[in-house]
Amino acid sequence: GLAVSATACLAVGLWSRSLGLVFIIGLSMIISMVIAGLSGAIIPIALKALKQDPAQSSSIVLTTVTDVVGFFSFLGLATLLSSLLEA
């Protein structure tokens, strides 16, 4: 995950020349990957505790969680750290 984030940051840095954008994208990717890993471990256990079949439901829930976290981590960080972005 860290290698993918570093590669994406390198590409964004070469393309945009904005260190603020590189920081925001890298940090949001790391947040998304950490939450995806935690969710991938917790969701099947929680579904099993709720007497649901984790094999059928966990992929749907996990995809939704990772999409929402990725979306909001990027846009939230961009909003909070907009002073780092160049106009």
N, C-alpha and C. Protein backbone atom coordinates (compact mmCIF):
# COMPACT_ATOMS: atom_id res chain seq x y z
N GLY A 1 0.80 -1.19 0.00
CA GLY A 1 0.00 0.00 0.00
C GLY A 1 0.85 1.26 0.00
N LEU A 2 1.92 1.23 0.78
CA LEU A 2 2.78 2.40 0.85
C LEU A 2 3.49 2.64 -0.48
N ALA A 3 3.85 1.56 -1.17
CA ALA A 3 4.51 1.69 -2.48
C ALA A 3 3.56 2.29 -3.51
N VAL A 4 2.29 1.89 -3.47
CA VAL A 4 1.30 2.45 -4.40
C VAL A 4 1.10 3.93 -4.11
N SER A 5 1.02 4.28 -2.85
CA SER A 5 0.86 5.68 -2.47
C SER A 5 2.07 6.51 -2.89
N ALA A 6 3.26 5.98 -2.69
CA ALA A 6 4.48 6.70 -3.09
C ALA A 6 4.55 6.88 -4.60
N THR A 7 4.16 5.85 -5.35
CA THR A 7 4.16 5.95 -6.81
C THR A 7 3.15 6.98 -7.29
N ALA A 8 1.96 6.97 -6.69
CA ALA A 8 0.95 7.96 -7.06
C ALA A 8 1.41 9.37 -6.72
N CYS A 9 2.04 9.53 -5.56
CA CYS A 9 2.55 10.84 -5.16
C CYS A 9 3.63 11.33 -6.12
N LEU A 10 4.49 10.44 -6.54
CA LEU A 10 5.53 10.79 -7.50
C LEU A 10 4.92 11.26 -8.82
N ALA A 11 3.93 10.51 -9.30
CA ALA A 11 3.27 10.88 -10.56
C ALA A 11 2.55 12.22 -10.44
N VAL A 12 1.85 12.44 -9.33
CA VAL A 12 1.15 13.71 -9.13
C VAL A 12 2.15 14.85 -9.00
N GLY A 13 3.25 14.61 -8.31
CA GLY A 13 4.27 15.64 -8.15
C GLY A 13 4.90 16.04 -9.48
N LEU A 14 5.17 15.05 -10.32
CA LEU A 14 5.74 15.35 -11.63
C LEU A 14 4.74 16.06 -12.53
N TRP A 15 3.48 15.70 -12.39
CA TRP A 15 2.45 16.26 -13.26
C TRP A 15 2.04 17.66 -12.82
N SER A 16 1.83 17.86 -11.51
CA SER A 16 1.26 19.13 -11.05
C SER A 16 2.27 20.09 -10.44
N ARG A 17 3.41 19.57 -9.97
CA ARG A 17 4.42 20.39 -9.30
C ARG A 17 3.89 21.07 -8.04
N SER A 18 2.86 20.48 -7.42
CA SER A 18 2.27 21.05 -6.21
C SER A 18 2.52 20.10 -5.04
N LEU A 19 3.37 20.51 -4.11
CA LEU A 19 3.66 19.66 -2.95
C LEU A 19 2.44 19.50 -2.05
N GLY A 20 1.59 20.50 -2.00
CA GLY A 20 0.36 20.40 -1.20
C GLY A 20 -0.55 19.31 -1.73
N LEU A 21 -0.71 19.25 -3.05
CA LEU A 21 -1.54 18.22 -3.66
C LEU A 21 -0.94 16.84 -3.46
N VAL A 22 0.37 16.74 -3.56
CA VAL A 22 1.06 15.47 -3.32
C VAL A 22 0.81 15.00 -1.88
N PHE A 23 0.91 15.91 -0.93
CA PHE A 23 0.69 15.58 0.47
C PHE A 23 -0.75 15.12 0.71
N ILE A 24 -1.71 15.84 0.15
CA ILE A 24 -3.12 15.51 0.34
C ILE A 24 -3.45 14.15 -0.27
N ILE A 25 -2.99 13.90 -1.48
CA ILE A 25 -3.28 12.62 -2.13
C ILE A 25 -2.60 11.47 -1.40
N GLY A 26 -1.35 11.65 -1.03
CA GLY A 26 -0.64 10.59 -0.31
C GLY A 26 -1.28 10.26 1.02
N LEU A 27 -1.63 11.29 1.78
CA LEU A 27 -2.24 11.07 3.09
C LEU A 27 -3.62 10.43 2.96
N SER A 28 -4.40 10.87 1.98
CA SER A 28 -5.74 10.28 1.82
C SER A 28 -5.64 8.83 1.35
N MET A 29 -4.64 8.50 0.54
CA MET A 29 -4.47 7.11 0.13
C MET A 29 -4.07 6.24 1.31
N ILE A 30 -3.20 6.74 2.16
CA ILE A 30 -2.78 5.96 3.33
C ILE A 30 -3.97 5.76 4.28
N ILE A 31 -4.76 6.81 4.50
CA ILE A 31 -5.95 6.69 5.35
C ILE A 31 -6.91 5.66 4.77
N SER A 32 -7.15 5.73 3.47
CA SER A 32 -8.07 4.79 2.82
C SER A 32 -7.59 3.36 2.95
N MET A 33 -6.29 3.13 2.77
CA MET A 33 -5.77 1.77 2.84
C MET A 33 -5.80 1.22 4.27
N VAL A 34 -5.54 2.06 5.24
CA VAL A 34 -5.60 1.60 6.63
C VAL A 34 -7.04 1.24 7.01
N ILE A 35 -7.98 2.10 6.66
CA ILE A 35 -9.39 1.83 6.96
C ILE A 35 -9.87 0.60 6.19
N ALA A 36 -9.43 0.43 4.95
CA ALA A 36 -9.82 -0.76 4.18
C ALA A 36 -9.30 -2.03 4.84
N GLY A 37 -8.08 -2.00 5.32
CA GLY A 37 -7.53 -3.17 6.00
C GLY A 37 -8.27 -3.50 7.29
N LEU A 38 -8.55 -2.46 8.08
CA LEU A 38 -9.30 -2.68 9.32
C LEU A 38 -10.72 -3.16 9.03
N SER A 39 -11.35 -2.56 8.04
CA SER A 39 -12.71 -2.96 7.69
C SER A 39 -12.74 -4.38 7.16
N GLY A 40 -11.73 -4.75 6.38
CA GLY A 40 -11.67 -6.10 5.84
C GLY A 40 -11.54 -7.15 6.93
N ALA A 41 -10.98 -6.78 8.06
CA ALA A 41 -10.87 -7.72 9.18
C ALA A 41 -12.10 -7.68 10.08
N ILE A 42 -12.67 -6.50 10.29
CA ILE A 42 -13.76 -6.34 11.26
C ILE A 42 -15.13 -6.70 10.68
N ILE A 43 -15.39 -6.34 9.43
CA ILE A 43 -16.74 -6.54 8.86
C ILE A 43 -17.15 -8.01 8.84
N PRO A 44 -16.31 -8.94 8.37
CA PRO A 44 -16.75 -10.36 8.41
C PRO A 44 -17.01 -10.87 9.83
N ILE A 45 -16.21 -10.43 10.78
CA ILE A 45 -16.42 -10.85 12.17
C ILE A 45 -17.74 -10.29 12.69
N ALA A 46 -18.02 -9.03 12.38
CA ALA A 46 -19.27 -8.41 12.83
C ALA A 46 -20.47 -9.08 12.17
N LEU A 47 -20.38 -9.40 10.89
CA LEU A 47 -21.49 -10.06 10.21
C LEU A 47 -21.73 -11.46 10.77
N LYS A 48 -20.65 -12.16 11.10
CA LYS A 48 -20.80 -13.49 11.69
C LYS A 48 -21.46 -13.39 13.07
N ALA A 49 -21.11 -12.36 13.84
CA ALA A 49 -21.73 -12.16 15.15
C ALA A 49 -23.22 -11.82 15.02
N LEU A 50 -23.60 -11.20 13.90
CA LEU A 50 -25.01 -10.86 13.65
C LEU A 50 -25.76 -11.99 12.96
N LYS A 51 -25.14 -13.17 12.88
CA LYS A 51 -25.72 -14.36 12.27
C LYS A 51 -26.01 -14.19 10.78
N GLN A 52 -25.17 -13.39 10.11
CA GLN A 52 -25.26 -13.21 8.67
C GLN A 52 -24.12 -13.98 8.01
N ASP A 53 -24.28 -14.30 6.75
CA ASP A 53 -23.23 -15.01 6.03
C ASP A 53 -22.18 -14.00 5.57
N PRO A 54 -20.98 -14.03 6.14
CA PRO A 54 -19.96 -13.05 5.77
C PRO A 54 -19.50 -13.19 4.32
N ALA A 55 -19.58 -14.38 3.75
CA ALA A 55 -19.12 -14.58 2.38
C ALA A 55 -20.00 -13.83 1.38
N GLN A 56 -21.28 -13.71 1.67
CA GLN A 56 -22.19 -13.04 0.74
C GLN A 56 -22.24 -11.54 0.95
N SER A 57 -22.16 -11.10 2.18
CA SER A 57 -22.41 -9.69 2.48
C SER A 57 -21.17 -8.84 2.66
N SER A 58 -20.06 -9.43 3.06
CA SER A 58 -18.91 -8.59 3.43
C SER A 58 -18.33 -7.82 2.25
N SER A 59 -18.36 -8.40 1.05
CA SER A 59 -17.78 -7.67 -0.08
C SER A 59 -18.59 -6.42 -0.41
N ILE A 60 -19.90 -6.50 -0.29
CA ILE A 60 -20.76 -5.35 -0.57
C ILE A 60 -20.52 -4.25 0.47
N VAL A 61 -20.51 -4.63 1.73
CA VAL A 61 -20.32 -3.66 2.81
C VAL A 61 -18.91 -3.09 2.75
N LEU A 62 -17.92 -3.93 2.51
CA LEU A 62 -16.53 -3.48 2.46
C LEU A 62 -16.30 -2.50 1.32
N THR A 63 -16.87 -2.78 0.15
CA THR A 63 -16.74 -1.87 -0.98
C THR A 63 -17.36 -0.52 -0.67
N THR A 64 -18.53 -0.54 -0.05
CA THR A 64 -19.19 0.71 0.32
C THR A 64 -18.37 1.51 1.32
N VAL A 65 -17.87 0.84 2.34
CA VAL A 65 -17.07 1.52 3.37
C VAL A 65 -15.81 2.13 2.77
N THR A 66 -15.09 1.37 1.95
CA THR A 66 -13.84 1.89 1.39
C THR A 66 -14.10 3.02 0.40
N ASP A 67 -15.19 2.95 -0.36
CA ASP A 67 -15.51 4.04 -1.28
C ASP A 67 -15.85 5.32 -0.53
N VAL A 68 -16.65 5.20 0.50
CA VAL A 68 -17.05 6.39 1.28
C VAL A 68 -15.84 6.99 1.99
N VAL A 69 -15.02 6.15 2.60
CA VAL A 69 -13.84 6.65 3.31
C VAL A 69 -12.86 7.30 2.33
N GLY A 70 -12.64 6.69 1.19
CA GLY A 70 -11.74 7.26 0.20
C GLY A 70 -12.22 8.61 -0.31
N PHE A 71 -13.51 8.69 -0.59
CA PHE A 71 -14.10 9.93 -1.09
C PHE A 71 -13.97 11.04 -0.06
N PHE A 72 -14.39 10.76 1.17
CA PHE A 72 -14.38 11.79 2.19
C PHE A 72 -12.98 12.10 2.72
N SER A 73 -12.08 11.13 2.71
CA SER A 73 -10.73 11.45 3.18
C SER A 73 -10.04 12.39 2.20
N PHE A 74 -10.21 12.15 0.91
CA PHE A 74 -9.58 13.04 -0.07
C PHE A 74 -10.21 14.43 -0.05
N LEU A 75 -11.53 14.48 -0.15
CA LEU A 75 -12.18 15.80 -0.19
C LEU A 75 -12.10 16.52 1.15
N GLY A 76 -12.16 15.78 2.25
CA GLY A 76 -12.04 16.39 3.56
C GLY A 76 -10.66 16.98 3.79
N LEU A 77 -9.63 16.21 3.43
CA LEU A 77 -8.26 16.73 3.57
C LEU A 77 -8.03 17.91 2.63
N ALA A 78 -8.56 17.84 1.43
CA ALA A 78 -8.40 18.95 0.49
C ALA A 78 -9.06 20.21 1.02
N THR A 79 -10.21 20.06 1.67
CA THR A 79 -10.89 21.21 2.26
C THR A 79 -10.12 21.76 3.46
N LEU A 80 -9.71 20.85 4.35
CA LEU A 80 -8.99 21.30 5.55
C LEU A 80 -7.62 21.89 5.24
N LEU A 81 -6.96 21.35 4.24
CA LEU A 81 -5.61 21.79 3.92
C LEU A 81 -5.56 22.60 2.62
N SER A 82 -6.65 23.27 2.30
CA SER A 82 -6.71 24.02 1.04
C SER A 82 -5.68 25.14 0.99
N SER A 83 -5.18 25.56 2.13
CA SER A 83 -4.16 26.60 2.14
C SER A 83 -2.84 26.09 1.53
N LEU A 84 -2.65 24.78 1.51
CA LEU A 84 -1.44 24.21 0.91
C LEU A 84 -1.51 24.16 -0.61
N LEU A 85 -2.73 24.24 -1.14
CA LEU A 85 -2.90 24.15 -2.58
C LEU A 85 -2.66 25.51 -3.22
N GLU A 86 -2.00 25.48 -4.33
CA GLU A 86 -1.71 26.73 -5.05
C GLU A 86 -2.88 27.07 -5.95
N ALA A 87 -3.16 28.32 -6.10
CA ALA A 87 -4.27 28.76 -6.95
C ALA A 87 -3.93 28.69 -8.40
